[in-house]
PDB file of N, CA and C in Angstrom:
ATOM      1  N   MET A   1     -33.393  13.025  14.518  1.00  0.00           N
ATOM      2  CA  MET A   1     -33.460  11.784  13.344  1.00  0.00           C
ATOM      3  C   MET A   1     -31.643  11.346  13.345  1.00  0.00           C
ATOM      4  N   PRO A   2     -31.521  10.069  13.286  1.00  0.00           N
ATOM      5  CA  PRO A   2     -29.887   9.670  13.743  1.00  0.00           C
ATOM      6  C   PRO A   2     -29.611  10.040  12.113  1.00  0.00           C
ATOM      7  N   PRO A   3     -27.639  10.060  12.055  1.00  0.00           N
ATOM      8  CA  PRO A   3     -27.045  10.493  10.981  1.00  0.00           C
ATOM      9  C   PRO A   3     -27.470   9.132  10.147  1.00  0.00           C
ATOM     10  N   PRO A   4     -27.315   9.461   8.805  1.00  0.00           N
ATOM     11  CA  PRO A   4     -27.154   7.849   7.833  1.00  0.00           C
ATOM     12  C   PRO A   4     -25.927   7.252   7.888  1.00  0.00           C
ATOM     13  N   ARG A   5     -26.375   6.166   8.243  1.00  0.00           N
ATOM     14  CA  ARG A   5     -25.267   4.796   7.900  1.00  0.00           C
ATOM     15  C   ARG A   5     -24.454   4.978   6.815  1.00  0.00           C
ATOM     16  N   ASN A   6     -23.438   4.456   7.022  1.00  0.00           N
ATOM     17  CA  ASN A   6     -22.501   4.739   5.673  1.00  0.00           C
ATOM     18  C   ASN A   6     -22.684   4.141   4.263  1.00  0.00           C
ATOM     19  N   ARG A   7     -23.578   2.842   4.513  1.00  0.00           N
ATOM     20  CA  ARG A   7     -24.053   2.362   3.243  1.00  0.00           C
ATOM     21  C   ARG A   7     -25.263   3.498   2.440  1.00  0.00           C
ATOM     22  N   GLU A   8     -25.803   4.354   3.494  1.00  0.00           N
ATOM     23  CA  GLU A   8     -27.234   4.917   3.075  1.00  0.00           C
ATOM     24  C   GLU A   8     -26.333   6.236   2.657  1.00  0.00           C
ATOM     25  N   ARG A   9     -25.199   6.683   3.475  1.00  0.00           N
ATOM     26  CA  ARG A   9     -24.236   7.889   3.168  1.00  0.00           C
ATOM     27  C   ARG A   9     -23.778   7.586   1.650  1.00  0.00           C
ATOM     28  N   MET A  10     -23.142   5.998   1.368  1.00  0.00           N
ATOM     29  CA  MET A  10     -22.724   6.434   0.102  1.00  0.00           C
ATOM     30  C   MET A  10     -23.918   6.061  -1.783  1.00  0.00           C
ATOM     31  N   VAL A  11     -24.816   5.767  -1.063  1.00  0.00           N
ATOM     32  CA  VAL A  11     -25.487   5.544  -2.226  1.00  0.00           C
ATOM     33  C   VAL A  11     -26.387   6.653  -2.321  1.00  0.00           C
ATOM     34  N   MET A  12     -26.212   7.964  -1.434  1.00  0.00           N
ATOM     35  CA  MET A  12     -26.483   9.444  -1.938  1.00  0.00           C
ATOM     36  C   MET A  12     -25.692   9.807  -2.409  1.00  0.00           C
ATOM     37  N   ILE A  13     -24.465   9.839  -1.992  1.00  0.00           N
ATOM     38  CA  ILE A  13     -23.702  10.243  -2.785  1.00  0.00           C
ATOM     39  C   ILE A  13     -23.339  10.184  -3.966  1.00  0.00           C
ATOM     40  N   VAL A  14     -23.743   8.938  -4.256  1.00  0.00           N
ATOM     41  CA  VAL A  14     -23.819   8.823  -5.949  1.00  0.00           C
ATOM     42  C   VAL A  14     -24.846   9.236  -6.963  1.00  0.00           C
ATOM     43  N   LEU A  15     -25.912   9.451  -5.895  1.00  0.00           N
ATOM     44  CA  LEU A  15     -26.913   9.471  -6.818  1.00  0.00           C
ATOM     45  C   LEU A  15     -27.151  10.932  -6.436  1.00  0.00           C
ATOM     46  N   ALA A  16     -26.614  11.948  -5.964  1.00  0.00           N
ATOM     47  CA  ALA A  16     -25.831  13.143  -6.265  1.00  0.00           C
ATOM     48  C   ALA A  16     -25.255  13.720  -7.140  1.00  0.00           C
ATOM     49  N   ALA A  17     -24.027  12.588  -7.171  1.00  0.00           N
ATOM     50  CA  ALA A  17     -22.942  12.571  -8.012  1.00  0.00           C
ATOM     51  C   ALA A  17     -23.542  12.343  -9.901  1.00  0.00           C
ATOM     52  N   ILE A  18     -24.572  11.621  -9.463  1.00  0.00           N
ATOM     53  CA  ILE A  18     -25.235  11.261 -11.352  1.00  0.00           C
ATOM     54  C   ILE A  18     -26.202  12.384 -12.057  1.00  0.00           C
ATOM     55  N   ALA A  19     -26.662  13.189 -10.515  1.00  0.00           N
ATOM     56  CA  ALA A  19     -28.104  14.251 -10.830  1.00  0.00           C
ATOM     57  C   ALA A  19     -26.939  15.354 -11.380  1.00  0.00           C
ATOM     58  N   VAL A  20     -25.610  15.429 -10.433  1.00  0.00           N
ATOM     59  CA  VAL A  20     -24.976  16.502 -10.929  1.00  0.00           C
ATOM     60  C   VAL A  20     -24.294  16.917 -12.273  1.00  0.00           C
ATOM     61  N   ALA A  21     -23.732  15.371 -12.810  1.00  0.00           N
ATOM     62  CA  ALA A  21     -23.104  14.898 -13.911  1.00  0.00           C
ATOM     63  C   ALA A  21     -23.953  15.255 -15.061  1.00  0.00           C
ATOM     64  N   GLY A  22     -25.397  14.649 -14.420  1.00  0.00           N
ATOM     65  CA  GLY A  22     -26.337  15.298 -15.717  1.00  0.00           C
ATOM     66  C   GLY A  22     -26.708  16.366 -15.718  1.00  0.00           C
ATOM     67  N   LEU A  23     -26.484  17.121 -14.927  1.00  0.00           N
ATOM     68  CA  LEU A  23     -26.659  18.300 -14.873  1.00  0.00           C
ATOM     69  C   LEU A  23     -25.762  19.389 -15.535  1.00  0.00           C
ATOM     70  N   ALA A  24     -24.411  18.737 -15.567  1.00  0.00           N
ATOM     71  CA  ALA A  24     -23.466  19.152 -15.856  1.00  0.00           C
ATOM     72  C   ALA A  24     -23.281  18.701 -17.682  1.00  0.00           C
ATOM     73  N   TYR A  25     -23.602  17.670 -17.838  1.00  0.00           N
ATOM     74  CA  TYR A  25     -24.041  17.146 -19.262  1.00  0.00           C
ATOM     75  C   TYR A  25     -24.811  18.268 -19.884  1.00  0.00           C
ATOM     76  N   LEU A  26     -26.427  18.346 -19.682  1.00  0.00           N
ATOM     77  CA  LEU A  26     -27.037  19.162 -19.925  1.00  0.00           C
ATOM     78  C   LEU A  26     -26.275  20.764 -20.331  1.00  0.00           C
ATOM     79  N   ALA A  27     -25.694  20.999 -19.289  1.00  0.00           N
ATOM     80  CA  ALA A  27     -24.739  22.710 -19.614  1.00  0.00           C
ATOM     81  C   ALA A  27     -24.327  22.523 -20.216  1.00  0.00           C
ATOM     82  N   TRP A  28     -23.368  21.268 -20.535  1.00  0.00           N
ATOM     83  CA  TRP A  28     -22.258  21.386 -21.441  1.00  0.00           C
ATOM     84  C   TRP A  28     -23.021  21.693 -23.019  1.00  0.00           C
ATOM     85  N   SER A  29     -24.157  20.618 -23.154  1.00  0.00           N
ATOM     86  CA  SER A  29     -24.534  20.523 -24.238  1.00  0.00           C
ATOM     87  C   SER A  29     -25.590  21.377 -24.725  1.00  0.00           C
ATOM     88  N   ALA A  30     -25.620  22.776 -23.529  1.00  0.00           N
ATOM     89  CA  ALA A  30     -26.740  24.173 -24.558  1.00  0.00           C
ATOM     90  C   ALA A  30     -25.148  24.975 -24.598  1.00  0.00           C
ATOM     91  N   ILE A  31     -24.591  25.049 -23.439  1.00  0.00           N
ATOM     92  CA  ILE A  31     -23.676  26.427 -23.415  1.00  0.00           C
ATOM     93  C   ILE A  31     -22.083  26.035 -23.806  1.00  0.00           C
ATOM     94  N   GLY A  32     -22.036  25.204 -23.657  1.00  0.00           N
ATOM     95  CA  GLY A  32     -20.956  24.525 -23.412  1.00  0.00           C
ATOM     96  C   GLY A  32     -19.758  24.074 -22.407  1.00  0.00           C
ATOM     97  N   TRP A  33     -18.328  24.668 -21.856  1.00  0.00           N
ATOM     98  CA  TRP A  33     -17.503  24.151 -20.900  1.00  0.00           C
ATOM     99  C   TRP A  33     -17.858  25.947 -19.993  1.00  0.00           C
ATOM    100  N   PHE A  34     -18.644  26.351 -20.579  1.00  0.00           N
ATOM    101  CA  PHE A  34     -18.391  27.433 -20.483  1.00  0.00           C
ATOM    102  C   PHE A  34     -19.751  27.603 -19.107  1.00  0.00           C
ATOM    103  N   GLY A  35     -21.008  26.356 -19.547  1.00  0.00           N
ATOM    104  CA  GLY A  35     -21.740  26.473 -18.961  1.00  0.00           C
ATOM    105  C   GLY A  35     -21.040  25.627 -17.528  1.00  0.00           C
ATOM    106  N   VAL A  36     -20.618  24.455 -17.600  1.00  0.00           N
ATOM    107  CA  VAL A  36     -20.090  23.439 -16.787  1.00  0.00           C
ATOM    108  C   VAL A  36     -19.408  23.890 -15.647  1.00  0.00           C
ATOM    109  N   GLY A  37     -18.893  25.565 -16.437  1.00  0.00           N
ATOM    110  CA  GLY A  37     -17.965  26.246 -15.286  1.00  0.00           C
ATOM    111  C   GLY A  37     -18.824  27.211 -14.628  1.00  0.00           C
ATOM    112  N   LEU A  38     -20.147  27.720 -15.299  1.00  0.00           N
ATOM    113  CA  LEU A  38     -21.165  28.144 -14.273  1.00  0.00           C
ATOM    114  C   LEU A  38     -21.895  27.538 -13.691  1.00  0.00           C
ATOM    115  N   LEU A  39     -22.265  26.255 -13.659  1.00  0.00           N
ATOM    116  CA  LEU A  39     -23.028  25.117 -13.094  1.00  0.00           C
ATOM    117  C   LEU A  39     -22.100  25.321 -11.363  1.00  0.00           C
ATOM    118  N   GLY A  40     -20.668  24.954 -12.087  1.00  0.00           N
ATOM    119  CA  GLY A  40     -20.134  24.715 -10.919  1.00  0.00           C
ATOM    120  C   GLY A  40     -19.957  25.746  -9.658  1.00  0.00           C
ATOM    121  N   LEU A  41     -19.452  27.237  -9.801  1.00  0.00           N
ATOM    122  CA  LEU A  41     -19.825  28.019  -9.657  1.00  0.00           C
ATOM    123  C   LEU A  41     -21.486  28.572  -8.708  1.00  0.00           C
ATOM    124  N   LEU A  42     -22.048  28.182  -9.419  1.00  0.00           N
ATOM    125  CA  LEU A  42     -23.703  27.791  -8.751  1.00  0.00           C
ATOM    126  C   LEU A  42     -23.830  27.070  -7.678  1.00  0.00           C
ATOM    127  N   VAL A  43     -23.069  24.948  -7.637  1.00  0.00           N
ATOM    128  CA  VAL A  43     -23.032  24.220  -6.208  1.00  0.00           C
ATOM    129  C   VAL A  43     -22.067  24.736  -4.664  1.00  0.00           C
ATOM    130  N   LEU A  44     -21.054  25.336  -5.782  1.00  0.00           N
ATOM    131  CA  LEU A  44     -19.871  25.974  -5.107  1.00  0.00           C
ATOM    132  C   LEU A  44     -20.860  27.324  -3.746  1.00  0.00           C
ATOM    133  N   PHE A  45     -21.088  28.093  -5.105  1.00  0.00           N
ATOM    134  CA  PHE A  45     -21.827  28.969  -3.601  1.00  0.00           C
ATOM    135  C   PHE A  45     -23.206  28.190  -2.807  1.00  0.00           C
ATOM    136  N   LEU A  46     -24.090  27.835  -3.813  1.00  0.00           N
ATOM    137  CA  LEU A  46     -25.227  26.923  -2.618  1.00  0.00           C
ATOM    138  C   LEU A  46     -24.145  26.100  -1.347  1.00  0.00           C
ATOM    139  N   ALA A  47     -23.185  25.525  -1.610  1.00  0.00           N
ATOM    140  CA  ALA A  47     -22.503  24.452  -0.495  1.00  0.00           C
ATOM    141  C   ALA A  47     -22.005  25.814   0.468  1.00  0.00           C
ATOM    142  N   VAL A  48     -21.186  27.077   0.190  1.00  0.00           N
ATOM    143  CA  VAL A  48     -20.755  27.850   0.548  1.00  0.00           C
ATOM    144  C   VAL A  48     -21.788  28.568   1.565  1.00  0.00           C
ATOM    145  N   ARG A  49     -22.772  28.854   0.948  1.00  0.00           N
ATOM    146  CA  ARG A  49     -24.499  29.310   1.801  1.00  0.00           C
ATOM    147  C   ARG A  49     -24.700  28.262   3.091  1.00  0.00           C
ATOM    148  N   VAL A  50     -24.624  27.487   2.510  1.00  0.00           N
ATOM    149  CA  VAL A  50     -25.376  26.197   3.247  1.00  0.00           C
ATOM    150  C   VAL A  50     -24.508  26.183   5.153  1.00  0.00           C
ATOM    151  N   GLU A  51     -23.105  26.231   4.373  1.00  0.00           N
ATOM    152  CA  GLU A  51     -22.224  25.849   5.293  1.00  0.00           C
ATOM    153  C   GLU A  51     -21.808  26.878   6.432  1.00  0.00           C
ATOM    154  N   LEU A  52     -21.965  28.142   5.962  1.00  0.00           N
ATOM    155  CA  LEU A  52     -22.184  29.360   6.917  1.00  0.00           C
ATOM    156  C   LEU A  52     -23.166  29.553   7.488  1.00  0.00           C
ATOM    157  N   GLU A  53     -24.364  29.699   6.826  1.00  0.00           N
ATOM    158  CA  GLU A  53     -25.487  29.371   7.648  1.00  0.00           C
ATOM    159  C   GLU A  53     -26.100  28.166   8.663  1.00  0.00           C
ATOM    160  N   ASP A  54     -24.979  27.400   8.465  1.00  0.00           N
ATOM    161  CA  ASP A  54     -25.041  26.660   9.968  1.00  0.00           C
ATOM    162  C   ASP A  54     -26.340  26.210  10.494  1.00  0.00           C
ATOM    163  N   ASN A  55     -27.678  25.787   9.717  1.00  0.00           N
ATOM    164  CA  ASN A  55     -28.850  25.291  10.121  1.00  0.00           C
ATOM    165  C   ASN A  55     -29.262  26.283  11.369  1.00  0.00           C
ATOM    166  N   ARG A  56     -29.361  27.504  10.881  1.00  0.00           N
ATOM    167  CA  ARG A  56     -29.754  28.186  11.540  1.00  0.00           C
ATOM    168  C   ARG A  56     -30.558  29.639  10.701  1.00  0.00           C
ATOM    169  N   PRO A  57     -31.596  29.946  11.570  1.00  0.00           N
ATOM    170  CA  PRO A  57     -32.246  31.109  10.610  1.00  0.00           C
ATOM    171  C   PRO A  57     -31.559  32.437   9.899  1.00  0.00           C
ATOM    172  N   VAL A  58     -31.587  32.550   9.427  1.00  0.00           N
ATOM    173  CA  VAL A  58     -31.718  33.810   8.383  1.00  0.00           C
ATOM    174  C   VAL A  58     -31.943  34.897   8.234  1.00  0.00           C
ATOM    175  N   GLY A  59     -31.981  35.953   8.643  1.00  0.00           N
ATOM    176  CA  GLY A  59     -32.871  37.217   8.528  1.00  0.00           C
ATOM    177  C   GLY A  59     -31.847  38.701   7.778  1.00  0.00           C
ATOM    178  N   HIS A  60     -32.659  39.376   8.315  1.00  0.00           N
ATOM    179  CA  HIS A  60     -31.872  40.892   8.206  1.00  0.00           C
ATOM    180  C   HIS A  60     -31.150  41.206   8.926  1.00  0.00           C
ATOM    181  N   GLN A  61     -29.987  41.934   8.835  1.00  0.00           N
ATOM    182  CA  GLN A  61     -28.555  42.653   9.649  1.00  0.00           C
ATOM    183  C   GLN A  61     -29.240  42.676  10.873  1.00  0.00           C
ATOM    184  N   MET A  62     -30.638  43.812  10.741  1.00  0.00           N
ATOM    185  CA  MET A  62     -31.215  44.602  11.637  1.00  0.00           C
ATOM    186  C   MET A  62     -31.996  43.417  12.262  1.00  0.00           C
ATOM    187  N   THR A  63     -32.205  42.464  12.144  1.00  0.00           N
ATOM    188  CA  THR A  63     -32.738  41.613  13.167  1.00  0.00           C
ATOM    189  C   THR A  63     -31.982  40.780  14.696  1.00  0.00           C
ATOM    190  N   PRO A  64     -31.162  41.612  15.093  1.00  0.00           N
ATOM    191  CA  PRO A  64     -30.620  40.995  16.540  1.00  0.00           C
ATOM    192  C   PRO A  64     -31.773  39.825  17.123  1.00  0.00           C
ATOM    193  N   GLY A  65     -32.700  40.158  17.475  1.00  0.00           N
ATOM    194  CA  GLY A  65     -33.529  39.063  18.043  1.00  0.00           C
ATOM    195  C   GLY A  65     -34.244  38.071  17.763  1.00  0.00           C
ATOM    196  N   LEU A  66     -33.943  37.773  16.532  1.00  0.00           N
ATOM    197  CA  LEU A  66     -33.989  36.552  16.010  1.00  0.00           C
ATOM    198  C   LEU A  66     -32.860  35.859  16.105  1.00  0.00           C
ATOM    199  N   TYR A  67     -31.683  36.277  16.238  1.00  0.00           N
ATOM    200  CA  TYR A  67     -30.599  35.535  16.446  1.00  0.00           C
ATOM    201  C   TYR A  67     -30.047  35.503  17.744  1.00  0.00           C
ATOM    202  N   ALA A  68     -30.973  36.273  19.250  1.00  0.00           N
ATOM    203  CA  ALA A  68     -30.710  36.419  20.171  1.00  0.00           C
ATOM    204  C   ALA A  68     -31.622  35.588  20.987  1.00  0.00           C
ATOM    205  N   GLY A  69     -32.822  35.409  20.010  1.00  0.00           N
ATOM    206  CA  GLY A  69     -33.573  33.938  20.476  1.00  0.00           C
ATOM    207  C   GLY A  69     -33.213  32.893  20.229  1.00  0.00           C
ATOM    208  N   GLN A  70     -32.779  32.585  19.068  1.00  0.00           N
ATOM    209  CA  GLN A  70     -32.280  31.268  18.265  1.00  0.00           C
ATOM    210  C   GLN A  70     -30.767  30.636  19.236  1.00  0.00           C
ATOM    211  N   TYR A  71     -30.139  31.905  19.866  1.00  0.00           N
ATOM    212  CA  TYR A  71     -29.249  31.339  20.421  1.00  0.00           C
ATOM    213  C   TYR A  71     -29.290  30.951  22.326  1.00  0.00           C
ATOM    214  N   HIS A  72     -30.737  31.931  22.866  1.00  0.00           N
ATOM    215  CA  HIS A  72     -31.031  31.353  24.420  1.00  0.00           C
ATOM    216  C   HIS A  72     -32.098  30.330  24.311  1.00  0.00           C
ATOM    217  N   SER A  73     -32.731  29.844  22.932  1.00  0.00           N
ATOM    218  CA  SER A  73     -33.422  28.465  22.799  1.00  0.00           C
ATOM    219  C   SER A  73     -32.448  27.775  23.117  1.00  0.00           C
ATOM    220  N   GLU A  74     -31.301  27.777  22.239  1.00  0.00           N
ATOM    221  CA  GLU A  74     -29.866  26.474  22.102  1.00  0.00           C
ATOM    222  C   GLU A  74     -29.446  26.604  23.387  1.00  0.00           C
ATOM    223  N   THR A  75     -29.601  27.604  24.461  1.00  0.00           N
ATOM    224  CA  THR A  75     -28.512  27.257  25.766  1.00  0.00           C
ATOM    225  C   THR A  75     -29.521  26.583  26.528  1.00  0.00           C
ATOM    226  N   GLY A  76     -30.963  26.635  26.533  1.00  0.00           N
ATOM    227  CA  GLY A  76     -32.013  26.030  27.562  1.00  0.00           C
ATOM    228  C   GLY A  76     -32.046  25.281  26.988  1.00  0.00           C
ATOM    229  N   GLN A  77     -31.249  24.307  26.320  1.00  0.00           N
ATOM    230  CA  GLN A  77     -31.285  23.044  25.955  1.00  0.00           C
ATOM    231  C   GLN A  77     -31.074  21.710  26.755  1.00  0.00           C
ATOM    232  N   GLY A  78     -31.186  21.098  26.914  1.00  0.00           N
ATOM    233  CA  GLY A  78     -30.162  20.186  27.759  1.00  0.00           C
ATOM    234  C   GLY A  78     -28.616  19.203  26.805  1.00  0.00           C
ATOM    235  N   HIS A  79     -28.316  18.447  27.636  1.00  0.00           N
ATOM    236  CA  HIS A  79     -26.733  18.072  26.990  1.00  0.00           C
ATOM    237  C   HIS A  79     -27.395  17.259  26.059  1.00  0.00           C
ATOM    238  N   ALA A  80     -28.534  15.894  25.987  1.00  0.00           N
ATOM    239  CA  ALA A  80     -28.713  15.142  24.554  1.00  0.00           C
ATOM    240  C   ALA A  80     -29.365  16.281  23.349  1.00  0.00           C
ATOM    241  N   GLU A  81     -30.004  16.918  23.642  1.00  0.00           N
ATOM    242  CA  GLU A  81     -30.946  18.249  22.869  1.00  0.00           C
ATOM    243  C   GLU A  81     -29.616  18.828  22.155  1.00  0.00           C
ATOM    244  N   ARG A  82     -28.531  19.115  22.856  1.00  0.00           N
ATOM    245  CA  ARG A  82     -27.612  19.947  21.864  1.00  0.00           C
ATOM    246  C   ARG A  82     -26.316  18.557  21.300  1.00  0.00           C
ATOM    247  N   ALA A  83     -25.743  17.549  21.836  1.00  0.00           N
ATOM    248  CA  ALA A  83     -25.771  17.132  21.270  1.00  0.00           C
ATOM    249  C   ALA A  83     -26.148  16.252  19.829  1.00  0.00           C
ATOM    250  N   GLY A  84     -27.455  16.328  19.848  1.00  0.00           N
ATOM    251  CA  GLY A  84     -27.889  15.746  18.722  1.00  0.00           C
ATOM    252  C   GLY A  84     -28.461  16.953  17.596  1.00  0.00           C
ATOM    253  N   ARG A  85     -28.716  17.678  18.104  1.00  0.00           N
ATOM    254  CA  ARG A  85     -28.302  19.092  17.186  1.00  0.00           C
ATOM    255  C   ARG A  85     -26.887  19.376  16.286  1.00  0.00           C
ATOM    256  N   SER A  86     -25.879  18.888  17.849  1.00  0.00           N
ATOM    257  CA  SER A  86     -24.068  19.257  16.852  1.00  0.00           C
ATOM    258  C   SER A  86     -24.228  17.745  16.410  1.00  0.00           C
ATOM    259  N   SER A  87     -24.749  16.776  16.335  1.00  0.00           N
ATOM    260  CA  SER A  87     -24.189  15.530  15.661  1.00  0.00           C
ATOM    261  C   SER A  87     -25.173  16.107  13.669  1.00  0.00           C
ATOM    262  N   GLU A  88     -26.843  16.602  13.582  1.00  0.00           N
ATOM    263  CA  GLU A  88     -27.246  17.183  12.743  1.00  0.00           C
ATOM    264  C   GLU A  88     -26.351  18.252  12.056  1.00  0.00           C
ATOM    265  N   ARG A  89     -25.789  19.619  12.700  1.00  0.00           N
ATOM    266  CA  ARG A  89     -24.806  19.977  12.285  1.00  0.00           C
ATOM    267  C   ARG A  89     -23.800  19.678  11.610  1.00  0.00           C
ATOM    268  N   LEU A  90     -22.802  18.574  12.334  1.00  0.00           N
ATOM    269  CA  LEU A  90     -22.182  17.902  11.064  1.00  0.00           C
ATOM    270  C   LEU A  90     -22.267  17.392  10.216  1.00  0.00           C
ATOM    271  N   ALA A  91     -23.452  16.779  10.591  1.00  0.00           N
ATOM    272  CA  ALA A  91     -23.809  15.675   9.019  1.00  0.00           C
ATOM    273  C   ALA A  91     -24.070  16.515   8.029  1.00  0.00           C
ATOM    274  N   VAL A  92     -24.633  17.884   8.346  1.00  0.00           N
ATOM    275  CA  VAL A  92     -24.815  19.148   7.082  1.00  0.00           C
ATOM    276  C   VAL A  92     -24.055  19.663   6.487  1.00  0.00           C
ATOM    277  N   THR A  93     -23.281  19.936   7.329  1.00  0.00           N
ATOM    278  CA  THR A  93     -21.266  20.642   7.614  1.00  0.00           C
ATOM    279  C   THR A  93     -20.656  19.371   6.298  1.00  0.00           C
ATOM    280  N   SER A  94     -20.591  18.337   6.643  1.00  0.00           N
ATOM    281  CA  SER A  94     -19.633  17.275   5.747  1.00  0.00           C
ATOM    282  C   SER A  94     -20.406  17.465   4.390  1.00  0.00           C
ATOM    283  N   SER A  95     -21.876  17.351   4.480  1.00  0.00           N
ATOM    284  CA  SER A  95     -22.263  17.446   3.571  1.00  0.00           C
ATOM    285  C   SER A  95     -22.371  18.874   2.019  1.00  0.00           C
ATOM    286  N   ALA A  96     -22.048  20.031   3.175  1.00  0.00           N
ATOM    287  CA  ALA A  96     -22.238  20.740   2.125  1.00  0.00           C
ATOM    288  C   ALA A  96     -20.219  20.977   1.598  1.00  0.00           C
ATOM    289  N   ARG A  97     -19.663  20.738   2.449  1.00  0.00           N
ATOM    290  CA  ARG A  97     -17.966  20.711   2.144  1.00  0.00           C
ATOM    291  C   ARG A  97     -17.800  19.483   1.054  1.00  0.00           C
ATOM    292  N   PHE A  98     -18.519  18.338   1.246  1.00  0.00           N
ATOM    293  CA  PHE A  98     -18.134  17.942   0.104  1.00  0.00           C
ATOM    294  C   PHE A  98     -19.128  18.380  -1.327  1.00  0.00           C
ATOM    295  N   ALA A  99     -19.678  18.538  -1.370  1.00  0.00           N
ATOM    296  CA  ALA A  99     -20.871  19.506  -2.592  1.00  0.00           C
ATOM    297  C   ALA A  99     -19.449  20.756  -3.074  1.00  0.00           C
ATOM    298  N   GLY A 100     -18.619  21.012  -1.888  1.00  0.00           N
ATOM    299  CA  GLY A 100     -18.192  22.347  -2.273  1.00  0.00           C
ATOM    300  C   GLY A 100     -17.175  22.055  -3.219  1.00  0.00           C
ATOM    301  N   LEU A 101     -16.324  20.582  -2.925  1.00  0.00           N
ATOM    302  CA  LEU A 101     -15.610  20.177  -3.397  1.00  0.00           C
ATOM    303  C   LEU A 101     -15.998  19.311  -4.997  1.00  0.00           C
ATOM    304  N   PHE A 102     -17.122  19.210  -4.971  1.00  0.00           N
ATOM    305  CA  PHE A 102     -17.578  18.652  -6.203  1.00  0.00           C
ATOM    306  C   PHE A 102     -17.463  19.959  -6.926  1.00  0.00           C
ATOM    307  N   GLY A 103     -18.715  21.249  -6.642  1.00  0.00           N
ATOM    308  CA  GLY A 103     -18.559  22.360  -7.037  1.00  0.00           C
ATOM    309  C   GLY A 103     -17.239  22.884  -7.432  1.00  0.00           C
ATOM    310  N   ALA A 104     -16.233  22.953  -6.476  1.00  0.00           N
ATOM    311  CA  ALA A 104     -14.891  23.334  -7.210  1.00  0.00           C
ATOM    312  C   ALA A 104     -14.336  22.693  -8.440  1.00  0.00           C
ATOM    313  N   ALA A 105     -14.357  20.998  -8.260  1.00  0.00           N
ATOM    314  CA  ALA A 105     -14.023  20.905  -9.448  1.00  0.00           C
ATOM    315  C   ALA A 105     -14.710  20.628 -10.643  1.00  0.00           C
ATOM    316  N   LEU A 106     -16.241  21.004 -10.305  1.00  0.00           N
ATOM    317  CA  LEU A 106     -16.593  21.644 -11.820  1.00  0.00           C
ATOM    318  C   LEU A 106     -16.360  22.644 -12.604  1.00  0.00           C
ATOM    319  N   THR A 107     -16.354  23.420 -11.233  1.00  0.00           N
ATOM    320  CA  THR A 107     -15.858  24.878 -11.798  1.00  0.00           C
ATOM    321  C   THR A 107     -14.116  25.102 -12.887  1.00  0.00           C
ATOM    322  N   VAL A 108     -13.493  24.598 -11.808  1.00  0.00           N
ATOM    323  CA  VAL A 108     -12.016  24.394 -12.536  1.00  0.00           C
ATOM    324  C   VAL A 108     -12.037  23.494 -14.058  1.00  0.00           C
ATOM    325  N   VAL A 109     -12.575  22.174 -14.273  1.00  0.00           N
ATOM    326  CA  VAL A 109     -12.837  21.767 -15.043  1.00  0.00           C
ATOM    327  C   VAL A 109     -13.982  22.601 -17.029  1.00  0.00           C
ATOM    328  N   GLY A 110     -14.765  22.854 -16.156  1.00  0.00           N
ATOM    329  CA  GLY A 110     -15.274  23.748 -17.038  1.00  0.00           C
ATOM    330  C   GLY A 110     -14.420  24.624 -17.530  1.00  0.00           C
ATOM    331  N   PHE A 111     -14.260  25.800 -16.586  1.00  0.00           N
ATOM    332  CA  PHE A 111     -13.357  27.196 -17.205  1.00  0.00           C
ATOM    333  C   PHE A 111     -12.332  26.729 -17.549  1.00  0.00           C
ATOM    334  N   GLY A 112     -11.359  25.601 -17.028  1.00  0.00           N
ATOM    335  CA  GLY A 112     -10.246  25.140 -17.751  1.00  0.00           C
ATOM    336  C   GLY A 112     -10.332  24.867 -18.926  1.00  0.00           C
ATOM    337  N   LEU A 113     -11.337  24.212 -19.295  1.00  0.00           N
ATOM    338  CA  LEU A 113     -11.345  23.824 -20.503  1.00  0.00           C
ATOM    339  C   LEU A 113     -11.539  24.403 -21.625  1.00  0.00           C
ATOM    340  N   PHE A 114     -12.549  25.237 -21.218  1.00  0.00           N
ATOM    341  CA  PHE A 114     -13.059  26.449 -21.989  1.00  0.00           C
ATOM    342  C   PHE A 114     -12.297  27.422 -22.144  1.00  0.00           C
ATOM    343  N   PHE A 115     -11.281  27.677 -21.543  1.00  0.00           N
ATOM    344  CA  PHE A 115     -10.298  28.739 -22.053  1.00  0.00           C
ATOM    345  C   PHE A 115      -8.888  28.280 -22.906  1.00  0.00           C
ATOM    346  N   LEU A 116      -8.777  26.765 -22.729  1.00  0.00           N
ATOM    347  CA  LEU A 116      -8.066  26.057 -23.798  1.00  0.00           C
ATOM    348  C   LEU A 116      -8.507  25.206 -24.467  1.00  0.00           C
ATOM    349  N   LEU A 117      -9.684  25.498 -24.592  1.00  0.00           N
ATOM    350  CA  LEU A 117     -10.048  24.971 -25.976  1.00  0.00           C
ATOM    351  C   LEU A 117     -11.010  26.621 -26.891  1.00  0.00           C
TER     352      LEU A 117
END
């Protein structure tokens, strides 16, 4: 699947920002600024987890065969398949970093206002 064009990317960013802002409003109305801070921590945790997993299988520490099979299948791919997979990873990573920035902003604002007020 090709990476989204700039217009599609901007529309998705706006829709995601509206959705998270709506959830932040619900958290604020239910718990207050502490809820906004917790929502920010949740978004930040999920973004870091997605970035660390790097679109690979995740298993228990004692399953080295899972990781070895994944790397073995990637080394057998052609140049075009590896380039496509690399562009997919880049798109996921950039989205995860954007979500991480948004989560960090929610965390700072939520807990900052919670402790100030």
